[in-house]
Amino acid sequence: MTDNELISLLESLCCADGTPGDETAAAKIAAEVMNRYMDVKIDNMGNVVARQEASGRHYLLDAHIDRIGMVVTAITDEGFVKVGACGGVDTRTFDASEVIILGVKPIYGIISAIPPHLTKSGENKASDITDVVIDIGMDKDTAEKYVTPSDRVIFKSEFKKLLSSRVSCAALDDRAGVVSLILAVDMLKDKGLKPNLTVVFSVCEETGGSGAKTSSFSANADEAIAVDVSFATAPGVSAEEAGELSKGPMIGFSSTLDYNMSKALVSVAEKNNIEYQKEIMGSKTGTNADNIAVSGYGVKMGLISIPLRNMHTQSEIVDIEDIRNTAKLICEYIASEMGEC
């Protein structure tokens, strides 16, 4: 897969809607691409499940396909739209943000912001989600023709290429992980390898991980790797709390994860000259890895994270090379394991 093909796929995924519980648009794109490589189905939960049966150890690869957003809860008498959270939205970034309400048709809106001239001392803190209102330029009667409570809301965001190999958009968490797994499967095919493999693009990670719980139970794999994003350094974010953009994937070490598997991933990275970083976590990882590891009788678990800046905003940033190196690390890890079988 060329860089242009990778970027095109990433853009199409990031620009698709797909909040927790309604991931259909992104799932269809991912399923269509994966169908070139493996048998694909969308299960009862909405997970995209790709399966390739073969002899040997059964590997599960997971990346979540849902994105954060909001859900319409009410329309005020003045025609403003009130919302609730659908995933871990950050209201600090909301003021005057552009959004799309997925109603009868997509409706453009702007989150209402109080001008700084009119705020009082102490009122500059982030709003509670219940105080957030969206201005769609309609009165209540007109708004109700197009918008209804339960409609989903996503941030309007354009996919942008930055300098070097970095890109910016909403939903890179975790559509970047989805692309890395598609690329890993493409690399395995180029090597002529056919592992016993299940690839899942799971739903509802942002609201508790129910998709990974059910899909990992169904897969009943011997070992698994979850791919998600993690914090990248920025002004005010220390190196102890985050990884660095453009310095390779972050290999997780946590009590949730299999220590020997984490070390094996490091060994594979070093042997194949793949740039990597370690991510040390004291207990749980806060990713699907926590649920997959305890699925069924237990799964040997690894975690690889793609460094991402501005998490849970409409302007997240990743480096394409970090995505590519994540895929390469997974490919080489499975190749090395197959060599031992």
C-alpha atoms as a PDB file:
ATOM      1  CA  MET A   1       0.000   0.000   0.000  1.00  0.00           C
ATOM      2  CA  THR A   2       1.503   3.307  -1.087  1.00  0.00           C
ATOM      3  CA  ASP A   3       1.461   6.402   1.110  1.00  0.00           C
ATOM      4  CA  ASN A   4      -1.174   7.971  -1.151  1.00  0.00           C
ATOM      5  CA  GLU A   5      -3.390   4.887  -0.843  1.00  0.00           C
ATOM      6  CA  LEU A   6      -2.899   4.830   2.925  1.00  0.00           C
ATOM      7  CA  ILE A   7      -3.763   8.522   3.267  1.00  0.00           C
ATOM      8  CA  SER A   8      -6.805   8.165   1.004  1.00  0.00           C
ATOM      9  CA  LEU A   9      -8.129   5.261   3.085  1.00  0.00           C
ATOM     10  CA  LEU A  10      -7.460   7.111   6.335  1.00  0.00           C
ATOM     11  CA  GLU A  11      -9.258  10.203   5.050  1.00  0.00           C
ATOM     12  CA  SER A  12     -12.337   8.251   3.979  1.00  0.00           C
ATOM     13  CA  LEU A  13     -12.553   6.578   7.383  1.00  0.00           C
ATOM     14  CA  CYS A  14     -11.973   9.756   9.386  1.00  0.00           C
ATOM     15  CA  CYS A  15     -14.616  11.657   7.444  1.00  0.00           C
ATOM     16  CA  ALA A  16     -17.231   8.949   7.989  1.00  0.00           C
ATOM     17  CA  ASP A  17     -19.583   9.211  10.932  1.00  0.00           C
ATOM     18  CA  GLY A  18     -19.817   6.353  13.405  1.00  0.00           C
ATOM     19  CA  THR A  19     -20.414   7.289  17.019  1.00  0.00           C
ATOM     20  CA  PRO A  20     -20.780   4.479  19.603  1.00  0.00           C
ATOM     21  CA  GLY A  21     -23.784   2.320  18.792  1.00  0.00           C
ATOM     22  CA  ASP A  22     -24.071   3.645  15.225  1.00  0.00           C
ATOM     23  CA  GLU A  23     -20.760   2.831  13.530  1.00  0.00           C
ATOM     24  CA  THR A  24     -22.351   1.646  10.279  1.00  0.00           C
ATOM     25  CA  ALA A  25     -20.846   4.212   7.872  1.00  0.00           C
ATOM     26  CA  ALA A  26     -17.235   3.614   8.920  1.00  0.00           C
ATOM     27  CA  ALA A  27     -17.826  -0.124   9.304  1.00  0.00           C
ATOM     28  CA  LYS A  28     -18.990  -0.423   5.689  1.00  0.00           C
ATOM     29  CA  ILE A  29     -15.826   1.265   4.420  1.00  0.00           C
ATOM     30  CA  ALA A  30     -13.549  -0.929   6.530  1.00  0.00           C
ATOM     31  CA  ALA A  31     -15.446  -4.115   5.635  1.00  0.00           C
ATOM     32  CA  GLU A  32     -15.230  -3.390   1.919  1.00  0.00           C
ATOM     33  CA  VAL A  33     -11.459  -2.944   2.105  1.00  0.00           C
ATOM     34  CA  MET A  34     -10.870  -5.977   4.324  1.00  0.00           C
ATOM     35  CA  ASN A  35     -12.951  -8.144   2.017  1.00  0.00           C
ATOM     36  CA  ARG A  36     -10.056  -7.962  -0.458  1.00  0.00           C
ATOM     37  CA  TYR A  37      -7.974 -10.006   1.971  1.00  0.00           C
ATOM     38  CA  MET A  38     -10.227 -12.128   4.180  1.00  0.00           C
ATOM     39  CA  ASP A  39     -13.799 -13.308   4.702  1.00  0.00           C
ATOM     40  CA  VAL A  40     -15.699 -10.489   6.416  1.00  0.00           C
ATOM     41  CA  LYS A  41     -18.930 -10.197   8.335  1.00  0.00           C
ATOM     42  CA  ILE A  42     -20.547  -7.559  10.529  1.00  0.00           C
ATOM     43  CA  ASP A  43     -21.750  -9.270  13.701  1.00  0.00           C
ATOM     44  CA  ASN A  44     -24.773  -8.595  15.908  1.00  0.00           C
ATOM     45  CA  MET A  45     -22.955  -5.863  17.831  1.00  0.00           C
ATOM     46  CA  GLY A  46     -21.833  -4.098  14.649  1.00  0.00           C
ATOM     47  CA  ASN A  47     -18.204  -5.214  14.877  1.00  0.00           C
ATOM     48  CA  VAL A  48     -16.418  -5.761  11.569  1.00  0.00           C
ATOM     49  CA  VAL A  49     -14.977  -9.271  11.885  1.00  0.00           C
ATOM     50  CA  ALA A  50     -12.530 -10.594   9.283  1.00  0.00           C
ATOM     51  CA  ARG A  51     -11.502 -14.247   9.556  1.00  0.00           C
ATOM     52  CA  GLN A  52      -8.755 -16.272   7.914  1.00  0.00           C
ATOM     53  CA  GLU A  53      -8.619 -19.889   9.038  1.00  0.00           C
ATOM     54  CA  ALA A  54      -5.292 -21.691   8.971  1.00  0.00           C
ATOM     55  CA  SER A  55      -3.268 -24.050  11.112  1.00  0.00           C
ATOM     56  CA  GLY A  56      -1.211 -22.882  14.074  1.00  0.00           C
ATOM     57  CA  ARG A  57      -1.655 -20.297  16.775  1.00  0.00           C
ATOM     58  CA  HIS A  58      -4.778 -18.159  16.469  1.00  0.00           C
ATOM     59  CA  TYR A  59      -4.085 -14.410  16.527  1.00  0.00           C
ATOM     60  CA  LEU A  60      -6.629 -11.684  17.189  1.00  0.00           C
ATOM     61  CA  LEU A  61      -5.981  -8.099  16.098  1.00  0.00           C
ATOM     62  CA  ASP A  62      -8.314  -5.370  17.358  1.00  0.00           C
ATOM     63  CA  ALA A  63      -8.783  -1.650  16.718  1.00  0.00           C
ATOM     64  CA  HIS A  64     -11.940   0.247  17.595  1.00  0.00           C
ATOM     65  CA  ILE A  65     -13.904   1.910  14.816  1.00  0.00           C
ATOM     66  CA  ASP A  66     -16.206   4.179  16.829  1.00  0.00           C
ATOM     67  CA  ARG A  67     -15.540   7.897  17.234  1.00  0.00           C
ATOM     68  CA  ILE A  68     -16.598  10.325  19.941  1.00  0.00           C
ATOM     69  CA  GLY A  69     -19.611  12.528  19.374  1.00  0.00           C
ATOM     70  CA  MET A  70     -22.859  13.665  20.928  1.00  0.00           C
ATOM     71  CA  VAL A  71     -26.528  12.755  20.881  1.00  0.00           C
ATOM     72  CA  VAL A  72     -29.450  15.183  20.616  1.00  0.00           C
ATOM     73  CA  THR A  73     -31.464  15.270  23.843  1.00  0.00           C
ATOM     74  CA  ALA A  74     -33.886  18.166  23.260  1.00  0.00           C
ATOM     75  CA  ILE A  75     -34.737  21.260  21.230  1.00  0.00           C
ATOM     76  CA  THR A  76     -35.305  24.436  23.231  1.00  0.00           C
ATOM     77  CA  ASP A  77     -38.189  26.840  22.713  1.00  0.00           C
ATOM     78  CA  GLU A  78     -35.712  29.158  20.955  1.00  0.00           C
ATOM     79  CA  GLY A  79     -34.682  26.440  18.476  1.00  0.00           C
ATOM     80  CA  PHE A  80     -31.296  25.593  20.009  1.00  0.00           C
ATOM     81  CA  VAL A  81     -30.315  21.918  20.120  1.00  0.00           C
ATOM     82  CA  LYS A  82     -29.281  20.406  23.445  1.00  0.00           C
ATOM     83  CA  VAL A  83     -26.996  17.370  23.583  1.00  0.00           C
ATOM     84  CA  GLY A  84     -25.503  14.640  25.719  1.00  0.00           C
ATOM     85  CA  ALA A  85     -22.100  12.999  25.446  1.00  0.00           C
ATOM     86  CA  CYS A  86     -21.590   9.948  23.253  1.00  0.00           C
ATOM     87  CA  GLY A  87     -18.075   9.014  24.297  1.00  0.00           C
ATOM     88  CA  GLY A  88     -15.401  11.038  26.069  1.00  0.00           C
ATOM     89  CA  VAL A  89     -15.998  14.468  24.573  1.00  0.00           C
ATOM     90  CA  ASP A  90     -14.018  17.392  26.018  1.00  0.00           C
ATOM     91  CA  THR A  91     -16.204  20.464  26.504  1.00  0.00           C
ATOM     92  CA  ARG A  92     -13.112  22.671  26.904  1.00  0.00           C
ATOM     93  CA  THR A  93     -12.761  22.558  23.106  1.00  0.00           C
ATOM     94  CA  PHE A  94     -16.425  23.154  22.280  1.00  0.00           C
ATOM     95  CA  ASP A  95     -16.970  26.905  22.067  1.00  0.00           C
ATOM     96  CA  ALA A  96     -17.875  27.955  18.494  1.00  0.00           C
ATOM     97  CA  SER A  97     -17.005  24.494  17.121  1.00  0.00           C
ATOM     98  CA  GLU A  98     -18.668  23.428  13.891  1.00  0.00           C
ATOM     99  CA  VAL A  99     -20.792  20.285  14.059  1.00  0.00           C
ATOM    100  CA  ILE A 100     -22.991  18.140  11.841  1.00  0.00           C
ATOM    101  CA  ILE A 101     -26.288  16.819  13.196  1.00  0.00           C
ATOM    102  CA  LEU A 102     -27.208  13.569  11.463  1.00  0.00           C
ATOM    103  CA  GLY A 103     -30.939  14.201  11.283  1.00  0.00           C
ATOM    104  CA  VAL A 104     -33.383  13.770   8.409  1.00  0.00           C
ATOM    105  CA  LYS A 105     -30.487  15.163   6.430  1.00  0.00           C
ATOM    106  CA  PRO A 106     -27.092  16.390   7.655  1.00  0.00           C
ATOM    107  CA  ILE A 107     -27.644  19.718   9.414  1.00  0.00           C
ATOM    108  CA  TYR A 108     -24.798  22.173   9.926  1.00  0.00           C
ATOM    109  CA  GLY A 109     -24.549  23.810  13.336  1.00  0.00           C
ATOM    110  CA  ILE A 110     -22.260  25.821  15.580  1.00  0.00           C
ATOM    111  CA  ILE A 111     -21.891  25.307  19.306  1.00  0.00           C
ATOM    112  CA  SER A 112     -22.986  28.527  20.967  1.00  0.00           C
ATOM    113  CA  ALA A 113     -20.253  30.475  22.755  1.00  0.00           C
ATOM    114  CA  ILE A 114     -20.535  33.410  25.159  1.00  0.00           C
ATOM    115  CA  PRO A 115     -18.269  36.261  23.975  1.00  0.00           C
ATOM    116  CA  PRO A 116     -15.352  36.873  26.347  1.00  0.00           C
ATOM    117  CA  HIS A 117     -16.562  40.459  26.761  1.00  0.00           C
ATOM    118  CA  LEU A 118     -19.711  39.160  28.462  1.00  0.00           C
ATOM    119  CA  THR A 119     -18.200  36.543  30.745  1.00  0.00           C
ATOM    120  CA  LYS A 120     -17.823  37.294  34.410  1.00  0.00           C
ATOM    121  CA  SER A 121     -14.856  36.527  36.598  1.00  0.00           C
ATOM    122  CA  GLY A 122     -14.651  32.785  37.249  1.00  0.00           C
ATOM    123  CA  GLU A 123     -16.920  31.881  34.326  1.00  0.00           C
ATOM    124  CA  ASN A 124     -14.172  30.823  31.948  1.00  0.00           C
ATOM    125  CA  LYS A 125     -14.242  27.186  33.015  1.00  0.00           C
ATOM    126  CA  ALA A 126     -15.427  24.436  30.677  1.00  0.00           C
ATOM    127  CA  SER A 127     -19.170  23.996  30.294  1.00  0.00           C
ATOM    128  CA  ASP A 128     -20.964  20.925  31.531  1.00  0.00           C
ATOM    129  CA  ILE A 129     -22.296  18.898  28.593  1.00  0.00           C
ATOM    130  CA  THR A 130     -25.852  19.591  29.778  1.00  0.00           C
ATOM    131  CA  ASP A 131     -25.229  23.324  29.253  1.00  0.00           C
ATOM    132  CA  VAL A 132     -24.025  22.929  25.653  1.00  0.00           C
ATOM    133  CA  VAL A 133     -26.374  24.174  22.934  1.00  0.00           C
ATOM    134  CA  ILE A 134     -26.035  24.057  19.159  1.00  0.00           C
ATOM    135  CA  ASP A 135     -27.226  26.904  16.958  1.00  0.00           C
ATOM    136  CA  ILE A 136     -28.670  25.616  13.669  1.00  0.00           C
ATOM    137  CA  GLY A 137     -30.297  28.905  12.668  1.00  0.00           C
ATOM    138  CA  MET A 138     -33.874  27.647  12.942  1.00  0.00           C
ATOM    139  CA  ASP A 139     -36.840  28.251  15.183  1.00  0.00           C
ATOM    140  CA  LYS A 140     -38.217  25.310  17.152  1.00  0.00           C
ATOM    141  CA  ASP A 141     -40.978  24.380  14.692  1.00  0.00           C
ATOM    142  CA  THR A 142     -38.549  24.304  11.754  1.00  0.00           C
ATOM    143  CA  ALA A 143     -35.833  22.521  13.708  1.00  0.00           C
ATOM    144  CA  GLU A 144     -38.222  19.725  14.667  1.00  0.00           C
ATOM    145  CA  LYS A 145     -38.783  18.959  10.985  1.00  0.00           C
ATOM    146  CA  TYR A 146     -35.128  18.021  10.591  1.00  0.00           C
ATOM    147  CA  VAL A 147     -33.803  17.109  14.039  1.00  0.00           C
ATOM    148  CA  THR A 148     -35.142  14.785  16.709  1.00  0.00           C
ATOM    149  CA  PRO A 149     -33.846  13.578  20.079  1.00  0.00           C
ATOM    150  CA  SER A 150     -31.570  10.528  19.565  1.00  0.00           C
ATOM    151  CA  ASP A 151     -29.964  11.964  16.394  1.00  0.00           C
ATOM    152  CA  ARG A 152     -26.181  11.765  16.540  1.00  0.00           C
ATOM    153  CA  VAL A 153     -23.839  14.747  16.306  1.00  0.00           C
ATOM    154  CA  ILE A 154     -20.251  14.732  15.057  1.00  0.00           C
ATOM    155  CA  PHE A 155     -17.668  17.472  14.805  1.00  0.00           C
ATOM    156  CA  LYS A 156     -17.191  18.950  11.353  1.00  0.00           C
ATOM    157  CA  SER A 157     -13.562  18.378  10.496  1.00  0.00           C
ATOM    158  CA  GLU A 158     -11.562  18.448   7.283  1.00  0.00           C
ATOM    159  CA  PHE A 159      -8.724  16.028   6.702  1.00  0.00           C
ATOM    160  CA  LYS A 160      -5.504  18.034   6.378  1.00  0.00           C
ATOM    161  CA  LYS A 161      -1.979  17.094   5.383  1.00  0.00           C
ATOM    162  CA  LEU A 162       0.566  18.879   7.551  1.00  0.00           C
ATOM    163  CA  LEU A 163       4.274  19.257   6.944  1.00  0.00           C
ATOM    164  CA  SER A 164       6.351  16.097   6.573  1.00  0.00           C
ATOM    165  CA  SER A 165       4.208  12.958   6.995  1.00  0.00           C
ATOM    166  CA  ARG A 166       1.734  14.248   9.578  1.00  0.00           C
ATOM    167  CA  VAL A 167      -2.009  14.575   9.103  1.00  0.00           C
ATOM    168  CA  SER A 168      -4.837  16.114  11.108  1.00  0.00           C
ATOM    169  CA  CYS A 169      -8.539  15.337  11.410  1.00  0.00           C
ATOM    170  CA  ALA A 170     -11.187  14.270  13.873  1.00  0.00           C
ATOM    171  CA  ALA A 171     -11.642  10.510  14.489  1.00  0.00           C
ATOM    172  CA  LEU A 172      -7.986   9.562  14.059  1.00  0.00           C
ATOM    173  CA  ASP A 173      -8.767   7.918  17.409  1.00  0.00           C
ATOM    174  CA  ASP A 174      -8.970   5.149  16.367  1.00  0.00           C
ATOM    175  CA  ARG A 175      -9.388   5.128  12.613  1.00  0.00           C
ATOM    176  CA  ALA A 176      -5.572   5.363  12.491  1.00  0.00           C
ATOM    177  CA  GLY A 177      -5.486   2.013  14.308  1.00  0.00           C
ATOM    178  CA  VAL A 178      -7.971   0.530  11.847  1.00  0.00           C
ATOM    179  CA  VAL A 179      -5.745   1.544   8.934  1.00  0.00           C
ATOM    180  CA  SER A 180      -2.663   0.101  10.644  1.00  0.00           C
ATOM    181  CA  LEU A 181      -4.337  -3.314  10.894  1.00  0.00           C
ATOM    182  CA  ILE A 182      -5.451  -3.252   7.254  1.00  0.00           C
ATOM    183  CA  LEU A 183      -1.885  -2.371   6.306  1.00  0.00           C
ATOM    184  CA  ALA A 184      -0.499  -5.174   8.517  1.00  0.00           C
ATOM    185  CA  VAL A 185      -2.713  -7.708   6.720  1.00  0.00           C
ATOM    186  CA  ASP A 186      -1.531  -6.296   3.384  1.00  0.00           C
ATOM    187  CA  MET A 187       2.104  -6.740   4.498  1.00  0.00           C
ATOM    188  CA  LEU A 188       1.473 -10.331   5.609  1.00  0.00           C
ATOM    189  CA  LYS A 189       0.001 -11.067   2.186  1.00  0.00           C
ATOM    190  CA  ASP A 190       3.061  -9.547   0.484  1.00  0.00           C
ATOM    191  CA  LYS A 191       5.243 -11.897   2.560  1.00  0.00           C
ATOM    192  CA  GLY A 192       3.191 -14.854   1.361  1.00  0.00           C
ATOM    193  CA  LEU A 193       2.076 -15.632   4.915  1.00  0.00           C
ATOM    194  CA  LYS A 194      -1.360 -16.942   5.860  1.00  0.00           C
ATOM    195  CA  PRO A 195      -1.666 -16.946   9.652  1.00  0.00           C
ATOM    196  CA  ASN A 196      -4.644 -18.250  11.598  1.00  0.00           C
ATOM    197  CA  LEU A 197      -6.044 -14.776  12.077  1.00  0.00           C
ATOM    198  CA  THR A 198      -9.072 -12.797  13.179  1.00  0.00           C
ATOM    199  CA  VAL A 199      -9.144  -9.025  12.671  1.00  0.00           C
ATOM    200  CA  VAL A 200     -11.827  -7.029  14.482  1.00  0.00           C
ATOM    201  CA  PHE A 201     -12.774  -3.392  14.078  1.00  0.00           C
ATOM    202  CA  SER A 202     -14.766  -3.146  17.273  1.00  0.00           C
ATOM    203  CA  VAL A 203     -17.625  -0.878  18.268  1.00  0.00           C
ATOM    204  CA  CYS A 204     -18.361   1.081  21.440  1.00  0.00           C
ATOM    205  CA  GLU A 205     -14.809   1.354  22.790  1.00  0.00           C
ATOM    206  CA  GLU A 206     -15.469   4.954  23.736  1.00  0.00           C
ATOM    207  CA  THR A 207     -18.408   3.876  25.901  1.00  0.00           C
ATOM    208  CA  GLY A 208     -16.955   0.886  27.746  1.00  0.00           C
ATOM    209  CA  GLY A 209     -15.663  -1.575  25.171  1.00  0.00           C
ATOM    210  CA  SER A 210     -18.677  -3.835  24.701  1.00  0.00           C
ATOM    211  CA  GLY A 211     -17.708  -4.603  21.107  1.00  0.00           C
ATOM    212  CA  ALA A 212     -14.296  -5.955  22.083  1.00  0.00           C
ATOM    213  CA  LYS A 213     -15.806  -7.989  24.936  1.00  0.00           C
ATOM    214  CA  THR A 214     -18.159  -9.884  22.663  1.00  0.00           C
ATOM    215  CA  SER A 215     -15.889 -10.230  19.623  1.00  0.00           C
ATOM    216  CA  SER A 216     -12.914 -11.511  21.618  1.00  0.00           C
ATOM    217  CA  PHE A 217     -15.126 -14.068  23.369  1.00  0.00           C
ATOM    218  CA  SER A 218     -16.379 -15.248  19.991  1.00  0.00           C
ATOM    219  CA  ALA A 219     -12.887 -15.357  18.459  1.00  0.00           C
ATOM    220  CA  ASN A 220     -11.415 -17.414  21.324  1.00  0.00           C
ATOM    221  CA  ALA A 221      -7.888 -16.598  20.152  1.00  0.00           C
ATOM    222  CA  ASP A 222      -4.597 -17.776  21.661  1.00  0.00           C
ATOM    223  CA  GLU A 223      -3.117 -14.299  21.740  1.00  0.00           C
ATOM    224  CA  ALA A 224      -4.139 -10.811  20.744  1.00  0.00           C
ATOM    225  CA  ILE A 225      -2.799  -7.375  19.944  1.00  0.00           C
ATOM    226  CA  ALA A 226      -4.940  -4.288  20.417  1.00  0.00           C
ATOM    227  CA  VAL A 227      -4.020  -1.148  18.509  1.00  0.00           C
ATOM    228  CA  ASP A 228      -5.196   2.212  19.807  1.00  0.00           C
ATOM    229  CA  VAL A 229      -3.814   5.729  20.027  1.00  0.00           C
ATOM    230  CA  SER A 230      -2.046   7.264  23.006  1.00  0.00           C
ATOM    231  CA  PHE A 231      -0.891  10.684  24.109  1.00  0.00           C
ATOM    232  CA  ALA A 232       1.850  12.480  22.196  1.00  0.00           C
ATOM    233  CA  THR A 233       3.984  15.198  23.737  1.00  0.00           C
ATOM    234  CA  ALA A 234       2.951  18.816  23.283  1.00  0.00           C
ATOM    235  CA  PRO A 235       3.529  22.053  25.198  1.00  0.00           C
ATOM    236  CA  GLY A 236       2.410  21.301  28.737  1.00  0.00           C
ATOM    237  CA  VAL A 237       2.542  17.511  28.227  1.00  0.00           C
ATOM    238  CA  SER A 238       5.711  15.947  29.619  1.00  0.00           C
ATOM    239  CA  ALA A 239       7.677  13.092  28.103  1.00  0.00           C
ATOM    240  CA  GLU A 240       6.867  11.023  31.204  1.00  0.00           C
ATOM    241  CA  GLU A 241       3.174  11.245  30.367  1.00  0.00           C
ATOM    242  CA  ALA A 242       3.364  10.745  26.625  1.00  0.00           C
ATOM    243  CA  GLY A 243       5.230   9.442  23.614  1.00  0.00           C
ATOM    244  CA  GLU A 244       6.609  11.452  20.725  1.00  0.00           C
ATOM    245  CA  LEU A 245       5.107  11.920  17.296  1.00  0.00           C
ATOM    246  CA  SER A 246       7.208  10.461  14.470  1.00  0.00           C
ATOM    247  CA  LYS A 247       9.248   8.262  16.839  1.00  0.00           C
ATOM    248  CA  GLY A 248       7.422   5.016  16.182  1.00  0.00           C
ATOM    249  CA  PRO A 249       4.640   2.990  17.821  1.00  0.00           C
ATOM    250  CA  MET A 250       4.371   2.770  21.603  1.00  0.00           C
ATOM    251  CA  ILE A 251       4.672  -0.778  22.964  1.00  0.00           C
ATOM    252  CA  GLY A 252       2.613  -1.137  26.119  1.00  0.00           C
ATOM    253  CA  PHE A 253       3.818  -2.531  29.435  1.00  0.00           C
ATOM    254  CA  SER A 254       1.062  -2.991  32.012  1.00  0.00           C
ATOM    255  CA  SER A 255      -0.258  -5.508  34.527  1.00  0.00           C
ATOM    256  CA  THR A 256      -3.127  -6.087  32.076  1.00  0.00           C
ATOM    257  CA  LEU A 257      -0.675  -7.130  29.373  1.00  0.00           C
ATOM    258  CA  ASP A 258       1.498 -10.219  29.030  1.00  0.00           C
ATOM    259  CA  TYR A 259       4.991  -9.112  30.043  1.00  0.00           C
ATOM    260  CA  ASN A 260       6.797 -11.632  27.845  1.00  0.00           C
ATOM    261  CA  MET A 261       4.689 -10.614  24.858  1.00  0.00           C
ATOM    262  CA  SER A 262       5.541  -6.949  25.407  1.00  0.00           C
ATOM    263  CA  LYS A 263       9.225  -7.860  25.557  1.00  0.00           C
ATOM    264  CA  ALA A 264       8.869  -9.962  22.411  1.00  0.00           C
ATOM    265  CA  LEU A 265       7.388  -6.999  20.557  1.00  0.00           C
ATOM    266  CA  VAL A 266      10.391  -4.906  21.625  1.00  0.00           C
ATOM    267  CA  SER A 267      12.742  -7.642  20.439  1.00  0.00           C
ATOM    268  CA  VAL A 268      11.006  -7.840  17.050  1.00  0.00           C
ATOM    269  CA  ALA A 269      11.173  -4.058  16.655  1.00  0.00           C
ATOM    270  CA  GLU A 270      14.893  -3.987  17.394  1.00  0.00           C
ATOM    271  CA  LYS A 271      15.676  -6.975  15.165  1.00  0.00           C
ATOM    272  CA  ASN A 272      13.864  -5.375  12.220  1.00  0.00           C
ATOM    273  CA  ASN A 273      15.078  -1.802  12.830  1.00  0.00           C
ATOM    274  CA  ILE A 274      11.559  -0.567  13.511  1.00  0.00           C
ATOM    275  CA  GLU A 275      11.531   2.637  15.504  1.00  0.00           C
ATOM    276  CA  TYR A 276       9.506   2.190  18.706  1.00  0.00           C
ATOM    277  CA  GLN A 277       8.807   3.625  22.151  1.00  0.00           C
ATOM    278  CA  LYS A 278       7.778   2.036  25.436  1.00  0.00           C
ATOM    279  CA  GLU A 279       4.572   3.052  27.187  1.00  0.00           C
ATOM    280  CA  ILE A 280       4.629   2.143  30.880  1.00  0.00           C
ATOM    281  CA  MET A 281       1.256   1.904  32.644  1.00  0.00           C
ATOM    282  CA  GLY A 282       0.843   0.971  36.289  1.00  0.00           C
ATOM    283  CA  SER A 283      -2.407  -0.947  36.011  1.00  0.00           C
ATOM    284  CA  LYS A 284      -5.129  -0.889  33.370  1.00  0.00           C
ATOM    285  CA  THR A 285      -4.421   0.492  29.909  1.00  0.00           C
ATOM    286  CA  GLY A 286      -7.765   2.233  29.315  1.00  0.00           C
ATOM    287  CA  THR A 287      -8.056   0.422  25.961  1.00  0.00           C
ATOM    288  CA  ASN A 288      -9.783  -2.669  24.586  1.00  0.00           C
ATOM    289  CA  ALA A 289      -6.756  -4.671  25.739  1.00  0.00           C
ATOM    290  CA  ASP A 290      -8.178  -4.663  29.284  1.00  0.00           C
ATOM    291  CA  ASN A 291     -11.355  -6.454  28.169  1.00  0.00           C
ATOM    292  CA  ILE A 292      -9.787  -8.785  25.613  1.00  0.00           C
ATOM    293  CA  ALA A 293      -7.169 -10.084  28.070  1.00  0.00           C
ATOM    294  CA  VAL A 294      -9.847 -11.500  30.401  1.00  0.00           C
ATOM    295  CA  SER A 295     -12.166 -12.798  27.697  1.00  0.00           C
ATOM    296  CA  GLY A 296     -13.172 -16.446  27.939  1.00  0.00           C
ATOM    297  CA  TYR A 297     -10.387 -18.422  29.604  1.00  0.00           C
ATOM    298  CA  GLY A 298      -8.008 -15.477  29.141  1.00  0.00           C
ATOM    299  CA  VAL A 299      -5.958 -14.266  26.187  1.00  0.00           C
ATOM    300  CA  LYS A 300      -2.243 -13.543  25.991  1.00  0.00           C
ATOM    301  CA  MET A 301      -2.406  -9.796  25.370  1.00  0.00           C
ATOM    302  CA  GLY A 302      -0.245  -7.108  23.774  1.00  0.00           C
ATOM    303  CA  LEU A 303      -0.903  -3.428  23.117  1.00  0.00           C
ATOM    304  CA  ILE A 304       0.575  -1.122  20.508  1.00  0.00           C
ATOM    305  CA  SER A 305      -0.410   2.546  20.495  1.00  0.00           C
ATOM    306  CA  ILE A 306       0.009   5.192  17.812  1.00  0.00           C
ATOM    307  CA  PRO A 307       1.136   8.566  19.236  1.00  0.00           C
ATOM    308  CA  LEU A 308      -1.583  11.170  18.769  1.00  0.00           C
ATOM    309  CA  ARG A 309      -1.735  14.853  19.639  1.00  0.00           C
ATOM    310  CA  ASN A 310      -4.933  16.738  20.631  1.00  0.00           C
ATOM    311  CA  MET A 311      -6.853  13.602  21.616  1.00  0.00           C
ATOM    312  CA  HIS A 312     -10.666  13.773  21.556  1.00  0.00           C
ATOM    313  CA  THR A 313     -10.760  16.990  19.565  1.00  0.00           C
ATOM    314  CA  GLN A 314     -11.684  17.843  15.984  1.00  0.00           C
ATOM    315  CA  SER A 315      -7.999  18.401  15.144  1.00  0.00           C
ATOM    316  CA  GLU A 316      -6.154  15.265  16.204  1.00  0.00           C
ATOM    317  CA  ILE A 317      -2.683  14.755  14.716  1.00  0.00           C
ATOM    318  CA  VAL A 318      -0.754  11.588  13.854  1.00  0.00           C
ATOM    319  CA  ASP A 319       2.238  10.711  11.708  1.00  0.00           C
ATOM    320  CA  ILE A 320       1.674   8.376   8.762  1.00  0.00           C
ATOM    321  CA  GLU A 321       5.065   6.783   9.418  1.00  0.00           C
ATOM    322  CA  ASP A 322       3.956   5.813  12.932  1.00  0.00           C
ATOM    323  CA  ILE A 323       0.933   4.073  11.393  1.00  0.00           C
ATOM    324  CA  ARG A 324       3.155   2.292   8.881  1.00  0.00           C
ATOM    325  CA  ASN A 325       5.635   1.207  11.570  1.00  0.00           C
ATOM    326  CA  THR A 326       2.785  -0.091  13.725  1.00  0.00           C
ATOM    327  CA  ALA A 327       1.683  -2.282  10.831  1.00  0.00           C
ATOM    328  CA  LYS A 328       5.230  -3.432  10.170  1.00  0.00           C
ATOM    329  CA  LEU A 329       5.749  -4.353  13.833  1.00  0.00           C
ATOM    330  CA  ILE A 330       2.572  -6.458  13.875  1.00  0.00           C
ATOM    331  CA  CYS A 331       3.475  -8.141  10.592  1.00  0.00           C
ATOM    332  CA  GLU A 332       7.007  -8.984  11.714  1.00  0.00           C
ATOM    333  CA  TYR A 333       5.798 -10.186  15.119  1.00  0.00           C
ATOM    334  CA  ILE A 334       3.343 -12.655  13.567  1.00  0.00           C
ATOM    335  CA  ALA A 335       5.969 -13.700  11.007  1.00  0.00           C
ATOM    336  CA  SER A 336       8.481 -14.426  13.781  1.00  0.00           C
ATOM    337  CA  GLU A 337       5.886 -16.393  15.755  1.00  0.00           C
ATOM    338  CA  MET A 338       4.937 -18.454  12.705  1.00  0.00           C
ATOM    339  CA  GLY A 339       8.582 -19.275  12.219  1.00  0.00           C
ATOM    340  CA  GLU A 340       8.629 -20.869  15.651  1.00  0.00           C
ATOM    341  CA  CYS A 341       5.584 -23.079  15.004  1.00  0.00           C
END
